[in-house]
């Protein structure tokens, strides 16, 4: 894996194994996002609900950051 200008890594710089791992990570974060949202919807305690909501948003943010590697 080579780094592009300004420290950015582009999809063209990733080999097939790295792309496969990246897709797996993206899928795992999407699954975490969906599950955490479901848990949040079922939570009764406001603090637990907030914890699940924040964790779901964090998973979505990470997924979106990972996807930028595929879009370059």
PDB file of N, CA and C in Angstrom:
ATOM      1  N   UNK A   1       0.842  -1.164   0.000  1.00  0.00           N
ATOM      2  CA  UNK A   1       0.000   0.000   0.000  1.00  0.00           C
ATOM      3  C   UNK A   1       0.896   1.238   0.000  1.00  0.00           C
ATOM      4  N   UNK A   2       0.671   2.108  -0.956  1.00  0.00           N
ATOM      5  CA  UNK A   2       1.436   3.345  -1.059  1.00  0.00           C
ATOM      6  C   UNK A   2       0.574   4.518  -0.614  1.00  0.00           C
ATOM      7  N   UNK A   3       1.209   5.520  -0.034  1.00  0.00           N
ATOM      8  CA  UNK A   3       0.476   6.717   0.359  1.00  0.00           C
ATOM      9  C   UNK A   3       0.493   7.712  -0.794  1.00  0.00           C
ATOM     10  N   UNK A   4      -0.642   8.309  -1.051  1.00  0.00           N
ATOM     11  CA  UNK A   4      -0.750   9.333  -2.076  1.00  0.00           C
ATOM     12  C   UNK A   4      -0.307  10.667  -1.478  1.00  0.00           C
ATOM     13  N   UNK A   5      -0.439  11.709  -2.252  1.00  0.00           N
ATOM     14  CA  UNK A   5      -0.048  13.039  -1.785  1.00  0.00           C
ATOM     15  C   UNK A   5      -0.785  13.407  -0.507  1.00  0.00           C
ATOM     16  N   UNK A   6      -0.116  14.151   0.346  1.00  0.00           N
ATOM     17  CA  UNK A   6      -0.672  14.680   1.591  1.00  0.00           C
ATOM     18  C   UNK A   6      -1.173  13.579   2.521  1.00  0.00           C
ATOM     19  N   UNK A   7      -0.574  12.403   2.476  1.00  0.00           N
ATOM     20  CA  UNK A   7      -0.921  11.349   3.407  1.00  0.00           C
ATOM     21  C   UNK A   7      -2.203  10.601   3.102  1.00  0.00           C
ATOM     22  N   UNK A   8      -2.847  10.902   1.997  1.00  0.00           N
ATOM     23  CA  UNK A   8      -4.093  10.226   1.639  1.00  0.00           C
ATOM     24  C   UNK A   8      -3.793   8.904   0.945  1.00  0.00           C
ATOM     25  N   UNK A   9      -4.632   7.920   1.215  1.00  0.00           N
ATOM     26  CA  UNK A   9      -4.521   6.628   0.555  1.00  0.00           C
ATOM     27  C   UNK A   9      -5.678   6.530  -0.432  1.00  0.00           C
ATOM     28  N   UNK A  10      -5.394   6.186  -1.667  1.00  0.00           N
ATOM     29  CA  UNK A  10      -6.437   6.073  -2.684  1.00  0.00           C
ATOM     30  C   UNK A  10      -6.739   4.606  -2.961  1.00  0.00           C
ATOM     31  N   UNK A  11      -7.942   4.361  -3.473  1.00  0.00           N
ATOM     32  CA  UNK A  11      -8.355   2.997  -3.762  1.00  0.00           C
ATOM     33  C   UNK A  11      -7.369   2.318  -4.707  1.00  0.00           C
ATOM     34  N   UNK A  12      -6.847   3.051  -5.657  1.00  0.00           N
ATOM     35  CA  UNK A  12      -5.906   2.480  -6.618  1.00  0.00           C
ATOM     36  C   UNK A  12      -4.631   1.983  -5.942  1.00  0.00           C
ATOM     37  N   UNK A  13      -4.343   2.509  -4.755  1.00  0.00           N
ATOM     38  CA  UNK A  13      -3.142   2.112  -4.025  1.00  0.00           C
ATOM     39  C   UNK A  13      -3.346   0.850  -3.188  1.00  0.00           C
ATOM     40  N   UNK A  14      -4.595   0.397  -3.078  1.00  0.00           N
ATOM     41  CA  UNK A  14      -4.891  -0.771  -2.249  1.00  0.00           C
ATOM     42  C   UNK A  14      -4.865  -2.044  -3.082  1.00  0.00           C
ATOM     43  N   UNK A  15      -4.308  -3.105  -2.522  1.00  0.00           N
ATOM     44  CA  UNK A  15      -4.339  -4.384  -3.244  1.00  0.00           C
ATOM     45  C   UNK A  15      -5.671  -5.085  -2.965  1.00  0.00           C
ATOM     46  N   UNK A  16      -5.898  -6.220  -3.590  1.00  0.00           N
ATOM     47  CA  UNK A  16      -7.183  -6.915  -3.467  1.00  0.00           C
ATOM     48  C   UNK A  16      -7.489  -7.348  -2.030  1.00  0.00           C
ATOM     49  N   UNK A  17      -6.494  -7.797  -1.315  1.00  0.00           N
ATOM     50  CA  UNK A  17      -6.701  -8.216   0.078  1.00  0.00           C
ATOM     51  C   UNK A  17      -7.099  -7.009   0.931  1.00  0.00           C
ATOM     52  N   UNK A  18      -6.417  -5.898   0.736  1.00  0.00           N
ATOM     53  CA  UNK A  18      -6.735  -4.692   1.500  1.00  0.00           C
ATOM     54  C   UNK A  18      -8.150  -4.201   1.181  1.00  0.00           C
ATOM     55  N   UNK A  19      -8.540  -4.261  -0.082  1.00  0.00           N
ATOM     56  CA  UNK A  19      -9.899  -3.877  -0.462  1.00  0.00           C
ATOM     57  C   UNK A  19     -10.929  -4.794   0.185  1.00  0.00           C
ATOM     58  N   UNK A  20     -10.626  -6.076   0.215  1.00  0.00           N
ATOM     59  CA  UNK A  20     -11.531  -7.039   0.835  1.00  0.00           C
ATOM     60  C   UNK A  20     -11.681  -6.740   2.332  1.00  0.00           C
ATOM     61  N   UNK A  21     -10.584  -6.434   2.991  1.00  0.00           N
ATOM     62  CA  UNK A  21     -10.630  -6.086   4.415  1.00  0.00           C
ATOM     63  C   UNK A  21     -11.411  -4.785   4.633  1.00  0.00           C
ATOM     64  N   UNK A  22     -11.191  -3.828   3.764  1.00  0.00           N
ATOM     65  CA  UNK A  22     -11.893  -2.549   3.876  1.00  0.00           C
ATOM     66  C   UNK A  22     -13.395  -2.751   3.721  1.00  0.00           C
ATOM     67  N   UNK A  23     -13.801  -3.538   2.740  1.00  0.00           N
ATOM     68  CA  UNK A  23     -15.231  -3.818   2.544  1.00  0.00           C
ATOM     69  C   UNK A  23     -15.812  -4.552   3.751  1.00  0.00           C
ATOM     70  N   UNK A  24     -15.038  -5.453   4.324  1.00  0.00           N
ATOM     71  CA  UNK A  24     -15.491  -6.168   5.515  1.00  0.00           C
ATOM     72  C   UNK A  24     -15.694  -5.198   6.683  1.00  0.00           C
ATOM     73  N   UNK A  25     -14.753  -4.295   6.878  1.00  0.00           N
ATOM     74  CA  UNK A  25     -14.873  -3.303   7.953  1.00  0.00           C
ATOM     75  C   UNK A  25     -16.084  -2.394   7.746  1.00  0.00           C
ATOM     76  N   UNK A  26     -16.308  -1.988   6.509  1.00  0.00           N
ATOM     77  CA  UNK A  26     -17.465  -1.136   6.203  1.00  0.00           C
ATOM     78  C   UNK A  26     -18.756  -1.883   6.534  1.00  0.00           C
ATOM     79  N   UNK A  27     -18.831  -3.140   6.122  1.00  0.00           N
ATOM     80  CA  UNK A  27     -20.013  -3.947   6.428  1.00  0.00           C
ATOM     81  C   UNK A  27     -20.219  -4.145   7.917  1.00  0.00           C
ATOM     82  N   UNK A  28     -19.136  -4.362   8.639  1.00  0.00           N
ATOM     83  CA  UNK A  28     -19.228  -4.555  10.090  1.00  0.00           C
ATOM     84  C   UNK A  28     -19.732  -3.290  10.778  1.00  0.00           C
ATOM     85  N   UNK A  29     -19.281  -2.134  10.313  1.00  0.00           N
ATOM     86  CA  UNK A  29     -19.736  -0.877  10.918  1.00  0.00           C
ATOM     87  C   UNK A  29     -21.197  -0.598  10.558  1.00  0.00           C
ATOM     88  N   UNK A  30     -21.621  -0.979   9.367  1.00  0.00           N
ATOM     89  CA  UNK A  30     -23.035  -0.831   9.001  1.00  0.00           C
ATOM     90  C   UNK A  30     -23.903  -1.729   9.893  1.00  0.00           C
ATOM     91  N   UNK A  31     -23.452  -2.959  10.106  1.00  0.00           N
ATOM     92  CA  UNK A  31     -24.186  -3.885  10.978  1.00  0.00           C
ATOM     93  C   UNK A  31     -24.263  -3.336  12.398  1.00  0.00           C
ATOM     94  N   UNK A  32     -23.153  -2.826  12.907  1.00  0.00           N
ATOM     95  CA  UNK A  32     -23.136  -2.244  14.253  1.00  0.00           C
ATOM     96  C   UNK A  32     -24.100  -1.063  14.334  1.00  0.00           C
ATOM     97  N   UNK A  33     -24.092  -0.222  13.315  1.00  0.00           N
ATOM     98  CA  UNK A  33     -24.991   0.934  13.273  1.00  0.00           C
ATOM     99  C   UNK A  33     -26.455   0.485  13.351  1.00  0.00           C
ATOM    100  N   UNK A  34     -26.822  -0.491  12.534  1.00  0.00           N
ATOM    101  CA  UNK A  34     -28.203  -0.981  12.512  1.00  0.00           C
ATOM    102  C   UNK A  34     -28.603  -1.583  13.864  1.00  0.00           C
ATOM    103  N   UNK A  35     -27.746  -2.407  14.424  1.00  0.00           N
ATOM    104  CA  UNK A  35     -28.057  -3.050  15.710  1.00  0.00           C
ATOM    105  C   UNK A  35     -28.162  -2.028  16.841  1.00  0.00           C
ATOM    106  N   UNK A  36     -27.221  -1.103  16.884  1.00  0.00           N
ATOM    107  CA  UNK A  36     -27.238  -0.103  17.946  1.00  0.00           C
ATOM    108  C   UNK A  36     -28.462   0.796  17.849  1.00  0.00           C
ATOM    109  N   UNK A  37     -28.893   1.112  16.628  1.00  0.00           N
ATOM    110  CA  UNK A  37     -30.126   1.879  16.454  1.00  0.00           C
ATOM    111  C   UNK A  37     -31.326   1.093  16.964  1.00  0.00           C
ATOM    112  N   UNK A  38     -31.349  -0.200  16.681  1.00  0.00           N
ATOM    113  CA  UNK A  38     -32.447  -1.049  17.161  1.00  0.00           C
ATOM    114  C   UNK A  38     -32.448  -1.110  18.686  1.00  0.00           C
ATOM    115  N   UNK A  39     -31.278  -1.257  19.279  1.00  0.00           N
ATOM    116  CA  UNK A  39     -31.181  -1.288  20.741  1.00  0.00           C
ATOM    117  C   UNK A  39     -31.647   0.045  21.334  1.00  0.00           C
ATOM    118  N   UNK A  40     -31.261   1.137  20.691  1.00  0.00           N
ATOM    119  CA  UNK A  40     -31.660   2.457  21.162  1.00  0.00           C
ATOM    120  C   UNK A  40     -33.183   2.619  21.131  1.00  0.00           C
ATOM    121  N   UNK A  41     -33.796   2.119  20.073  1.00  0.00           N
ATOM    122  CA  UNK A  41     -35.253   2.225  19.937  1.00  0.00           C
ATOM    123  C   UNK A  41     -35.972   1.439  21.026  1.00  0.00           C
ATOM    124  N   UNK A  42     -35.351   0.382  21.509  1.00  0.00           N
ATOM    125  CA  UNK A  42     -35.980  -0.473  22.524  1.00  0.00           C
ATOM    126  C   UNK A  42     -35.647  -0.048  23.955  1.00  0.00           C
ATOM    127  N   UNK A  43     -34.645   0.780  24.113  1.00  0.00           N
ATOM    128  CA  UNK A  43     -34.204   1.168  25.459  1.00  0.00           C
ATOM    129  C   UNK A  43     -35.241   2.053  26.141  1.00  0.00           C
ATOM    130  N   UNK A  44     -35.414   1.834  27.418  1.00  0.00           N
ATOM    131  CA  UNK A  44     -36.346   2.618  28.219  1.00  0.00           C
ATOM    132  C   UNK A  44     -35.585   3.688  29.012  1.00  0.00           C
ATOM    133  N   UNK A  45     -34.481   3.303  29.588  1.00  0.00           N
ATOM    134  CA  UNK A  45     -33.649   4.223  30.372  1.00  0.00           C
ATOM    135  C   UNK A  45     -33.033   5.272  29.441  1.00  0.00           C
ATOM    136  N   UNK A  46     -33.238   6.560  29.722  1.00  0.00           N
ATOM    137  CA  UNK A  46     -32.725   7.623  28.844  1.00  0.00           C
ATOM    138  C   UNK A  46     -31.198   7.598  28.666  1.00  0.00           C
ATOM    139  N   UNK A  47     -30.478   7.244  29.726  1.00  0.00           N
ATOM    140  CA  UNK A  47     -29.021   7.206  29.618  1.00  0.00           C
ATOM    141  C   UNK A  47     -28.562   6.060  28.720  1.00  0.00           C
ATOM    142  N   UNK A  48     -29.224   4.917  28.835  1.00  0.00           N
ATOM    143  CA  UNK A  48     -28.894   3.777  27.977  1.00  0.00           C
ATOM    144  C   UNK A  48     -29.257   4.096  26.535  1.00  0.00           C
ATOM    145  N   UNK A  49     -30.428   4.712  26.338  1.00  0.00           N
ATOM    146  CA  UNK A  49     -30.865   5.113  24.997  1.00  0.00           C
ATOM    147  C   UNK A  49     -29.827   6.053  24.365  1.00  0.00           C
ATOM    148  N   UNK A  50     -29.364   7.023  25.152  1.00  0.00           N
ATOM    149  CA  UNK A  50     -28.369   7.979  24.658  1.00  0.00           C
ATOM    150  C   UNK A  50     -27.054   7.275  24.313  1.00  0.00           C
ATOM    151  N   UNK A  51     -26.654   6.324  25.132  1.00  0.00           N
ATOM    152  CA  UNK A  51     -25.428   5.564  24.882  1.00  0.00           C
ATOM    153  C   UNK A  51     -25.509   4.817  23.550  1.00  0.00           C
ATOM    154  N   UNK A  52     -26.632   4.125  23.326  1.00  0.00           N
ATOM    155  CA  UNK A  52     -26.801   3.389  22.080  1.00  0.00           C
ATOM    156  C   UNK A  52     -26.874   4.335  20.877  1.00  0.00           C
ATOM    157  N   UNK A  53     -27.564   5.455  21.041  1.00  0.00           N
ATOM    158  CA  UNK A  53     -27.687   6.429  19.947  1.00  0.00           C
ATOM    159  C   UNK A  53     -26.321   6.989  19.570  1.00  0.00           C
ATOM    160  N   UNK A  54     -25.537   7.358  20.573  1.00  0.00           N
ATOM    161  CA  UNK A  54     -24.184   7.899  20.315  1.00  0.00           C
ATOM    162  C   UNK A  54     -23.297   6.849  19.674  1.00  0.00           C
ATOM    163  N   UNK A  55     -23.368   5.623  20.158  1.00  0.00           N
ATOM    164  CA  UNK A  55     -22.550   4.548  19.597  1.00  0.00           C
ATOM    165  C   UNK A  55     -22.948   4.256  18.154  1.00  0.00           C
ATOM    166  N   UNK A  56     -24.246   4.308  17.868  1.00  0.00           N
ATOM    167  CA  UNK A  56     -24.715   4.107  16.493  1.00  0.00           C
ATOM    168  C   UNK A  56     -24.166   5.201  15.586  1.00  0.00           C
ATOM    169  N   UNK A  57     -24.216   6.439  16.051  1.00  0.00           N
ATOM    170  CA  UNK A  57     -23.699   7.550  15.245  1.00  0.00           C
ATOM    171  C   UNK A  57     -22.200   7.418  15.023  1.00  0.00           C
ATOM    172  N   UNK A  58     -21.481   6.989  16.034  1.00  0.00           N
ATOM    173  CA  UNK A  58     -20.039   6.772  15.899  1.00  0.00           C
ATOM    174  C   UNK A  58     -19.745   5.690  14.854  1.00  0.00           C
ATOM    175  N   UNK A  59     -20.535   4.611  14.872  1.00  0.00           N
ATOM    176  CA  UNK A  59     -20.348   3.538  13.892  1.00  0.00           C
ATOM    177  C   UNK A  59     -20.626   4.047  12.487  1.00  0.00           C
ATOM    178  N   UNK A  60     -21.672   4.853  12.328  1.00  0.00           N
ATOM    179  CA  UNK A  60     -21.999   5.418  11.013  1.00  0.00           C
ATOM    180  C   UNK A  60     -20.893   6.355  10.530  1.00  0.00           C
ATOM    181  N   UNK A  61     -20.386   7.190  11.433  1.00  0.00           N
ATOM    182  CA  UNK A  61     -19.305   8.117  11.065  1.00  0.00           C
ATOM    183  C   UNK A  61     -18.061   7.358  10.611  1.00  0.00           C
ATOM    184  N   UNK A  62     -17.725   6.299  11.331  1.00  0.00           N
ATOM    185  CA  UNK A  62     -16.556   5.499  10.957  1.00  0.00           C
ATOM    186  C   UNK A  62     -16.772   4.823   9.614  1.00  0.00           C
ATOM    187  N   UNK A  63     -17.964   4.291   9.395  1.00  0.00           N
ATOM    188  CA  UNK A  63     -18.289   3.670   8.104  1.00  0.00           C
ATOM    189  C   UNK A  63     -18.100   4.685   6.971  1.00  0.00           C
ATOM    190  N   UNK A  64     -18.600   5.893   7.169  1.00  0.00           N
ATOM    191  CA  UNK A  64     -18.478   6.925   6.138  1.00  0.00           C
ATOM    192  C   UNK A  64     -17.026   7.296   5.879  1.00  0.00           C
ATOM    193  N   UNK A  65     -16.231   7.355   6.929  1.00  0.00           N
ATOM    194  CA  UNK A  65     -14.796   7.643   6.758  1.00  0.00           C
ATOM    195  C   UNK A  65     -14.112   6.523   5.984  1.00  0.00           C
ATOM    196  N   UNK A  66     -14.447   5.288   6.310  1.00  0.00           N
ATOM    197  CA  UNK A  66     -13.862   4.142   5.588  1.00  0.00           C
ATOM    198  C   UNK A  66     -14.260   4.152   4.121  1.00  0.00           C
ATOM    199  N   UNK A  67     -15.495   4.564   3.851  1.00  0.00           N
ATOM    200  CA  UNK A  67     -15.970   4.584   2.463  1.00  0.00           C
ATOM    201  C   UNK A  67     -15.231   5.614   1.606  1.00  0.00           C
ATOM    202  N   UNK A  68     -14.645   6.622   2.245  1.00  0.00           N
ATOM    203  CA  UNK A  68     -13.899   7.602   1.451  1.00  0.00           C
ATOM    204  C   UNK A  68     -12.714   6.954   0.734  1.00  0.00           C
ATOM    205  N   UNK A  69     -12.192   5.859   1.298  1.00  0.00           N
ATOM    206  CA  UNK A  69     -11.092   5.153   0.635  1.00  0.00           C
ATOM    207  C   UNK A  69     -11.567   4.513  -0.663  1.00  0.00           C
ATOM    208  N   UNK A  70     -12.830   4.130  -0.727  1.00  0.00           N
ATOM    209  CA  UNK A  70     -13.365   3.523  -1.942  1.00  0.00           C
ATOM    210  C   UNK A  70     -13.741   4.560  -2.984  1.00  0.00           C
ATOM    211  N   UNK A  71     -13.989   5.774  -2.547  1.00  0.00           N
ATOM    212  CA  UNK A  71     -14.447   6.832  -3.449  1.00  0.00           C
ATOM    213  C   UNK A  71     -13.299   7.653  -4.038  1.00  0.00           C
ATOM    214  N   UNK A  72     -12.077   7.372  -3.638  1.00  0.00           N
ATOM    215  CA  UNK A  72     -10.929   8.137  -4.163  1.00  0.00           C
ATOM    216  C   UNK A  72     -10.313   7.432  -5.357  1.00  0.00           C
TER     217      UNK A  72
END
